[in-house]
Amino acid sequence: MPETPEFKPLAMVGSLTTSDTSELRFYVDEYRGYPYASIRTFVSRDNYSGPTKAGITMNPPVLEKVIETLGKLPPEPQANEDTELARIPRKSGLELIVRITIYRDSTGLDLREWVDDGTYKGWSKRGVRIPYGDMKKSLDYLKEMLGLLKDRTASAKASSPSPAPQKPRARKATGEAPSQKDD
């Protein structure tokens, strides 16, 4: 088997084992200078070990809303059917749906993207399912991730140089003298 490069996020927060060969990892990483929180399924199999496409990324405002939603849930599931808890807008035509799901007699928290962009309306493949029994641990991980994102954002703002002063825009030549308001 060819070696898979090791995945190294900025900060690994924690993981939850979901089966003998897979786990959910909670981590903070950065893309093009923008930090984000991520929950992703990682597998360890004979033919491949590493991250999968199954996962979700969240910027700080989305992560705050997810934490707020999950913080209101009781320790034991009350629903005996799928229940939508929140719709969090991400961008035009894309929402993150937080819901309780029942699958094979197991209750879980589903964080999944819903697409409605005019050409397609429905669930995307981006998302994760967290066993309800691991909700408290997951919520602790999410809170830690938010703290890391806020620290990273604050330190980036503090270390970035102040913006260069703006030059005044050139005016069209009209042949008239500028009025006092234009100065």
C-alpha atoms as a PDB file:
ATOM      1  CA  MET A   1       0.000   0.000   0.000  1.00  0.00           C
ATOM      2  CA  PRO A   2       1.419   3.436  -0.887  1.00  0.00           C
ATOM      3  CA  GLU A   3       2.086   5.764   2.024  1.00  0.00           C
ATOM      4  CA  THR A   4      -0.605   8.346   2.635  1.00  0.00           C
ATOM      5  CA  PRO A   5       0.770  11.703   3.794  1.00  0.00           C
ATOM      6  CA  GLU A   6      -0.069  12.342   7.429  1.00  0.00           C
ATOM      7  CA  PHE A   7      -2.841  14.852   8.018  1.00  0.00           C
ATOM      8  CA  LYS A   8      -1.697  17.684  10.299  1.00  0.00           C
ATOM      9  CA  PRO A   9      -4.324  20.310  11.220  1.00  0.00           C
ATOM     10  CA  LEU A  10      -3.443  23.505  13.099  1.00  0.00           C
ATOM     11  CA  ALA A  11      -5.020  22.128  16.284  1.00  0.00           C
ATOM     12  CA  MET A  12      -6.440  18.697  16.999  1.00  0.00           C
ATOM     13  CA  VAL A  13      -9.191  19.013  19.612  1.00  0.00           C
ATOM     14  CA  GLY A  14     -10.508  15.465  19.991  1.00  0.00           C
ATOM     15  CA  SER A  15     -12.033  12.416  18.382  1.00  0.00           C
ATOM     16  CA  LEU A  16     -14.939   9.997  18.784  1.00  0.00           C
ATOM     17  CA  THR A  17     -14.667   6.371  17.718  1.00  0.00           C
ATOM     18  CA  THR A  18     -17.635   5.423  15.528  1.00  0.00           C
ATOM     19  CA  SER A  19     -16.559   1.904  14.482  1.00  0.00           C
ATOM     20  CA  ASP A  20     -13.538  -0.401  14.423  1.00  0.00           C
ATOM     21  CA  THR A  21     -12.207   1.375  11.337  1.00  0.00           C
ATOM     22  CA  SER A  22     -13.494   4.959  11.590  1.00  0.00           C
ATOM     23  CA  GLU A  23     -13.607   7.945  13.894  1.00  0.00           C
ATOM     24  CA  LEU A  24     -14.883  11.510  13.902  1.00  0.00           C
ATOM     25  CA  ARG A  25     -12.124  14.070  14.435  1.00  0.00           C
ATOM     26  CA  PHE A  26     -12.727  17.568  15.709  1.00  0.00           C
ATOM     27  CA  TYR A  27     -10.013  20.025  14.669  1.00  0.00           C
ATOM     28  CA  VAL A  28      -9.190  23.581  13.669  1.00  0.00           C
ATOM     29  CA  ASP A  29      -7.422  24.316  10.409  1.00  0.00           C
ATOM     30  CA  GLU A  30      -6.947  27.148   7.959  1.00  0.00           C
ATOM     31  CA  TYR A  31      -7.627  27.657   4.264  1.00  0.00           C
ATOM     32  CA  ARG A  32      -6.164  30.644   2.423  1.00  0.00           C
ATOM     33  CA  GLY A  33      -5.692  32.483   5.688  1.00  0.00           C
ATOM     34  CA  TYR A  34      -9.215  31.819   6.996  1.00  0.00           C
ATOM     35  CA  PRO A  35      -9.433  29.598  10.088  1.00  0.00           C
ATOM     36  CA  TYR A  36     -12.297  27.131  10.357  1.00  0.00           C
ATOM     37  CA  ALA A  37     -13.587  24.359  12.600  1.00  0.00           C
ATOM     38  CA  SER A  38     -14.001  20.924  11.091  1.00  0.00           C
ATOM     39  CA  ILE A  39     -15.615  17.622  12.020  1.00  0.00           C
ATOM     40  CA  ARG A  40     -14.520  14.913   9.609  1.00  0.00           C
ATOM     41  CA  THR A  41     -14.673  11.135   9.357  1.00  0.00           C
ATOM     42  CA  PHE A  42     -11.263   9.469   9.264  1.00  0.00           C
ATOM     43  CA  VAL A  43     -10.793   5.812   8.380  1.00  0.00           C
ATOM     44  CA  SER A  44      -8.051   3.296   9.022  1.00  0.00           C
ATOM     45  CA  ARG A  45      -8.260   0.416   6.556  1.00  0.00           C
ATOM     46  CA  ASP A  46      -5.883  -1.850   4.677  1.00  0.00           C
ATOM     47  CA  ASN A  47      -6.139   0.127   1.424  1.00  0.00           C
ATOM     48  CA  TYR A  48      -6.463   3.673   2.822  1.00  0.00           C
ATOM     49  CA  SER A  49      -6.002   5.515   6.077  1.00  0.00           C
ATOM     50  CA  GLY A  50      -6.860   9.186   6.454  1.00  0.00           C
ATOM     51  CA  PRO A  51      -9.643  11.739   6.016  1.00  0.00           C
ATOM     52  CA  THR A  52     -12.764  11.058   3.966  1.00  0.00           C
ATOM     53  CA  LYS A  53     -15.104  13.422   2.143  1.00  0.00           C
ATOM     54  CA  ALA A  54     -17.676  12.950   4.910  1.00  0.00           C
ATOM     55  CA  GLY A  55     -17.399  16.017   7.091  1.00  0.00           C
ATOM     56  CA  ILE A  56     -18.439  19.571   7.736  1.00  0.00           C
ATOM     57  CA  THR A  57     -16.541  22.840   8.134  1.00  0.00           C
ATOM     58  CA  MET A  58     -17.787  25.846  10.069  1.00  0.00           C
ATOM     59  CA  ASN A  59     -16.656  29.438  10.405  1.00  0.00           C
ATOM     60  CA  PRO A  60     -16.972  31.089  13.855  1.00  0.00           C
ATOM     61  CA  PRO A  61     -20.528  32.522  13.418  1.00  0.00           C
ATOM     62  CA  VAL A  62     -21.899  29.172  12.192  1.00  0.00           C
ATOM     63  CA  LEU A  63     -20.062  27.297  14.962  1.00  0.00           C
ATOM     64  CA  GLU A  64     -21.544  29.647  17.593  1.00  0.00           C
ATOM     65  CA  LYS A  65     -25.076  28.891  16.342  1.00  0.00           C
ATOM     66  CA  VAL A  66     -24.408  25.128  16.350  1.00  0.00           C
ATOM     67  CA  ILE A  67     -23.131  25.346  19.950  1.00  0.00           C
ATOM     68  CA  GLU A  68     -26.176  27.400  20.962  1.00  0.00           C
ATOM     69  CA  THR A  69     -28.526  24.836  19.373  1.00  0.00           C
ATOM     70  CA  LEU A  70     -26.828  21.782  20.905  1.00  0.00           C
ATOM     71  CA  GLY A  71     -26.549  23.491  24.304  1.00  0.00           C
ATOM     72  CA  LYS A  72     -30.355  23.489  24.598  1.00  0.00           C
ATOM     73  CA  LEU A  73     -30.684  19.706  24.194  1.00  0.00           C
ATOM     74  CA  PRO A  74     -31.381  17.406  27.163  1.00  0.00           C
ATOM     75  CA  PRO A  75     -28.781  14.754  28.124  1.00  0.00           C
ATOM     76  CA  GLU A  76     -31.077  11.978  26.862  1.00  0.00           C
ATOM     77  CA  PRO A  77     -32.934  12.179  23.536  1.00  0.00           C
ATOM     78  CA  GLN A  78     -36.603  13.110  23.831  1.00  0.00           C
ATOM     79  CA  ALA A  79     -37.533  12.617  20.171  1.00  0.00           C
ATOM     80  CA  ASN A  80     -38.572   9.267  18.784  1.00  0.00           C
ATOM     81  CA  GLU A  81     -38.577  10.554  15.207  1.00  0.00           C
ATOM     82  CA  ASP A  82     -36.323  12.776  13.089  1.00  0.00           C
ATOM     83  CA  THR A  83     -36.535  16.346  14.394  1.00  0.00           C
ATOM     84  CA  GLU A  84     -35.048  19.466  12.818  1.00  0.00           C
ATOM     85  CA  LEU A  85     -33.450  21.734  15.423  1.00  0.00           C
ATOM     86  CA  ALA A  86     -31.964  24.595  13.382  1.00  0.00           C
ATOM     87  CA  ARG A  87     -31.314  25.930   9.889  1.00  0.00           C
ATOM     88  CA  ILE A  88     -28.162  28.008   9.795  1.00  0.00           C
ATOM     89  CA  PRO A  89     -27.551  30.022   6.601  1.00  0.00           C
ATOM     90  CA  ARG A  90     -24.036  29.600   5.210  1.00  0.00           C
ATOM     91  CA  LYS A  91     -24.333  31.433   1.898  1.00  0.00           C
ATOM     92  CA  SER A  92     -26.978  31.953  -0.762  1.00  0.00           C
ATOM     93  CA  GLY A  93     -28.591  28.603  -1.528  1.00  0.00           C
ATOM     94  CA  LEU A  94     -26.748  26.713   1.227  1.00  0.00           C
ATOM     95  CA  GLU A  95     -27.780  26.035   4.839  1.00  0.00           C
ATOM     96  CA  LEU A  96     -26.415  23.866   7.619  1.00  0.00           C
ATOM     97  CA  ILE A  97     -29.227  21.783   9.102  1.00  0.00           C
ATOM     98  CA  VAL A  98     -28.876  20.530  12.671  1.00  0.00           C
ATOM     99  CA  ARG A  99     -31.269  17.723  13.481  1.00  0.00           C
ATOM    100  CA  ILE A 100     -31.853  14.662  15.598  1.00  0.00           C
ATOM    101  CA  THR A 101     -32.058  11.511  13.494  1.00  0.00           C
ATOM    102  CA  ILE A 102     -33.067   7.930  14.184  1.00  0.00           C
ATOM    103  CA  TYR A 103     -31.183   5.378  12.097  1.00  0.00           C
ATOM    104  CA  ARG A 104     -31.248   1.635  12.754  1.00  0.00           C
ATOM    105  CA  ASP A 105     -32.702   2.227  16.226  1.00  0.00           C
ATOM    106  CA  SER A 106     -29.834   4.583  17.083  1.00  0.00           C
ATOM    107  CA  THR A 107     -30.359   8.269  17.866  1.00  0.00           C
ATOM    108  CA  GLY A 108     -27.817  10.760  16.610  1.00  0.00           C
ATOM    109  CA  LEU A 109     -27.158  14.408  15.851  1.00  0.00           C
ATOM    110  CA  ASP A 110     -26.902  15.119  12.159  1.00  0.00           C
ATOM    111  CA  LEU A 111     -25.102  18.227  10.877  1.00  0.00           C
ATOM    112  CA  ARG A 112     -25.590  18.313   7.129  1.00  0.00           C
ATOM    113  CA  GLU A 113     -25.710  20.855   4.310  1.00  0.00           C
ATOM    114  CA  TRP A 114     -28.986  21.562   2.491  1.00  0.00           C
ATOM    115  CA  VAL A 115     -28.662  22.954  -1.026  1.00  0.00           C
ATOM    116  CA  ASP A 116     -31.310  25.029  -2.820  1.00  0.00           C
ATOM    117  CA  ASP A 117     -29.567  26.780  -5.693  1.00  0.00           C
ATOM    118  CA  GLY A 118     -32.187  26.635  -8.449  1.00  0.00           C
ATOM    119  CA  THR A 119     -30.633  23.606 -10.182  1.00  0.00           C
ATOM    120  CA  TYR A 120     -30.709  21.235  -7.196  1.00  0.00           C
ATOM    121  CA  LYS A 121     -32.715  21.122  -4.000  1.00  0.00           C
ATOM    122  CA  GLY A 122     -31.829  18.593  -1.322  1.00  0.00           C
ATOM    123  CA  TRP A 123     -29.148  17.195   0.959  1.00  0.00           C
ATOM    124  CA  SER A 124     -25.525  17.448  -0.035  1.00  0.00           C
ATOM    125  CA  LYS A 125     -22.966  14.788   0.801  1.00  0.00           C
ATOM    126  CA  ARG A 126     -21.273  17.162   3.230  1.00  0.00           C
ATOM    127  CA  GLY A 127     -22.123  16.342   6.808  1.00  0.00           C
ATOM    128  CA  VAL A 128     -21.599  14.132   9.825  1.00  0.00           C
ATOM    129  CA  ARG A 129     -23.681  12.101  12.241  1.00  0.00           C
ATOM    130  CA  ILE A 130     -22.666  12.180  15.895  1.00  0.00           C
ATOM    131  CA  PRO A 131     -24.057   9.514  18.243  1.00  0.00           C
ATOM    132  CA  TYR A 132     -26.390  11.224  20.743  1.00  0.00           C
ATOM    133  CA  GLY A 133     -24.573   9.561  23.642  1.00  0.00           C
ATOM    134  CA  ASP A 134     -21.441  11.519  22.636  1.00  0.00           C
ATOM    135  CA  MET A 135     -23.259  14.867  22.545  1.00  0.00           C
ATOM    136  CA  LYS A 136     -21.734  16.301  25.741  1.00  0.00           C
ATOM    137  CA  LYS A 137     -18.199  15.417  24.687  1.00  0.00           C
ATOM    138  CA  SER A 138     -18.901  16.797  21.184  1.00  0.00           C
ATOM    139  CA  LEU A 139     -20.261  20.031  22.642  1.00  0.00           C
ATOM    140  CA  ASP A 140     -17.100  20.407  24.764  1.00  0.00           C
ATOM    141  CA  TYR A 141     -14.967  19.882  21.640  1.00  0.00           C
ATOM    142  CA  LEU A 142     -17.011  22.459  19.699  1.00  0.00           C
ATOM    143  CA  LYS A 143     -16.613  25.038  22.489  1.00  0.00           C
ATOM    144  CA  GLU A 144     -12.854  24.444  22.558  1.00  0.00           C
ATOM    145  CA  MET A 145     -12.731  24.817  18.770  1.00  0.00           C
ATOM    146  CA  LEU A 146     -14.592  28.136  18.997  1.00  0.00           C
ATOM    147  CA  GLY A 147     -12.094  29.408  21.570  1.00  0.00           C
ATOM    148  CA  LEU A 148      -9.197  28.439  19.291  1.00  0.00           C
ATOM    149  CA  LEU A 149     -10.849  30.161  16.313  1.00  0.00           C
ATOM    150  CA  LYS A 150     -11.424  33.342  18.300  1.00  0.00           C
ATOM    151  CA  ASP A 151      -7.817  33.326  19.572  1.00  0.00           C
ATOM    152  CA  ARG A 152      -6.523  32.766  16.050  1.00  0.00           C
ATOM    153  CA  THR A 153      -8.689  35.544  14.615  1.00  0.00           C
ATOM    154  CA  ALA A 154      -7.682  37.977  17.382  1.00  0.00           C
ATOM    155  CA  SER A 155      -3.968  37.249  16.964  1.00  0.00           C
ATOM    156  CA  ALA A 156      -4.243  37.584  13.165  1.00  0.00           C
ATOM    157  CA  LYS A 157      -5.875  41.008  13.553  1.00  0.00           C
ATOM    158  CA  ALA A 158      -3.248  42.133  16.075  1.00  0.00           C
ATOM    159  CA  SER A 159      -0.324  41.051  13.901  1.00  0.00           C
ATOM    160  CA  SER A 160      -1.646  42.335  10.567  1.00  0.00           C
ATOM    161  CA  PRO A 161      -0.286  45.697   9.452  1.00  0.00           C
ATOM    162  CA  SER A 162      -2.701  48.594   9.459  1.00  0.00           C
ATOM    163  CA  PRO A 163      -4.185  49.249   6.037  1.00  0.00           C
ATOM    164  CA  ALA A 164      -2.455  51.780   3.800  1.00  0.00           C
ATOM    165  CA  PRO A 165      -4.150  55.177   3.692  1.00  0.00           C
ATOM    166  CA  GLN A 166      -6.621  55.493   0.846  1.00  0.00           C
ATOM    167  CA  LYS A 167      -5.750  57.854  -1.975  1.00  0.00           C
ATOM    168  CA  PRO A 168      -8.514  60.233  -2.969  1.00  0.00           C
ATOM    169  CA  ARG A 169     -10.332  59.162  -6.090  1.00  0.00           C
ATOM    170  CA  ALA A 170      -9.679  61.204  -9.190  1.00  0.00           C
ATOM    171  CA  ARG A 171     -12.590  63.315 -10.358  1.00  0.00           C
ATOM    172  CA  LYS A 172     -13.700  63.712 -13.903  1.00  0.00           C
ATOM    173  CA  ALA A 173     -12.658  66.968 -15.438  1.00  0.00           C
ATOM    174  CA  THR A 174     -15.806  69.027 -15.896  1.00  0.00           C
ATOM    175  CA  GLY A 175     -14.266  72.387 -16.542  1.00  0.00           C
ATOM    176  CA  GLU A 176     -15.875  73.726 -13.352  1.00  0.00           C
ATOM    177  CA  ALA A 177     -14.149  74.740 -10.174  1.00  0.00           C
ATOM    178  CA  PRO A 178     -14.765  72.301  -7.313  1.00  0.00           C
ATOM    179  CA  SER A 179     -17.374  73.377  -4.811  1.00  0.00           C
ATOM    180  CA  GLN A 180     -16.658  73.663  -1.092  1.00  0.00           C
ATOM    181  CA  LYS A 181     -18.541  70.374  -0.470  1.00  0.00           C
ATOM    182  CA  ASP A 182     -16.103  68.380  -2.629  1.00  0.00           C
ATOM    183  CA  ASP A 183     -13.027  69.358  -0.590  1.00  0.00           C
END
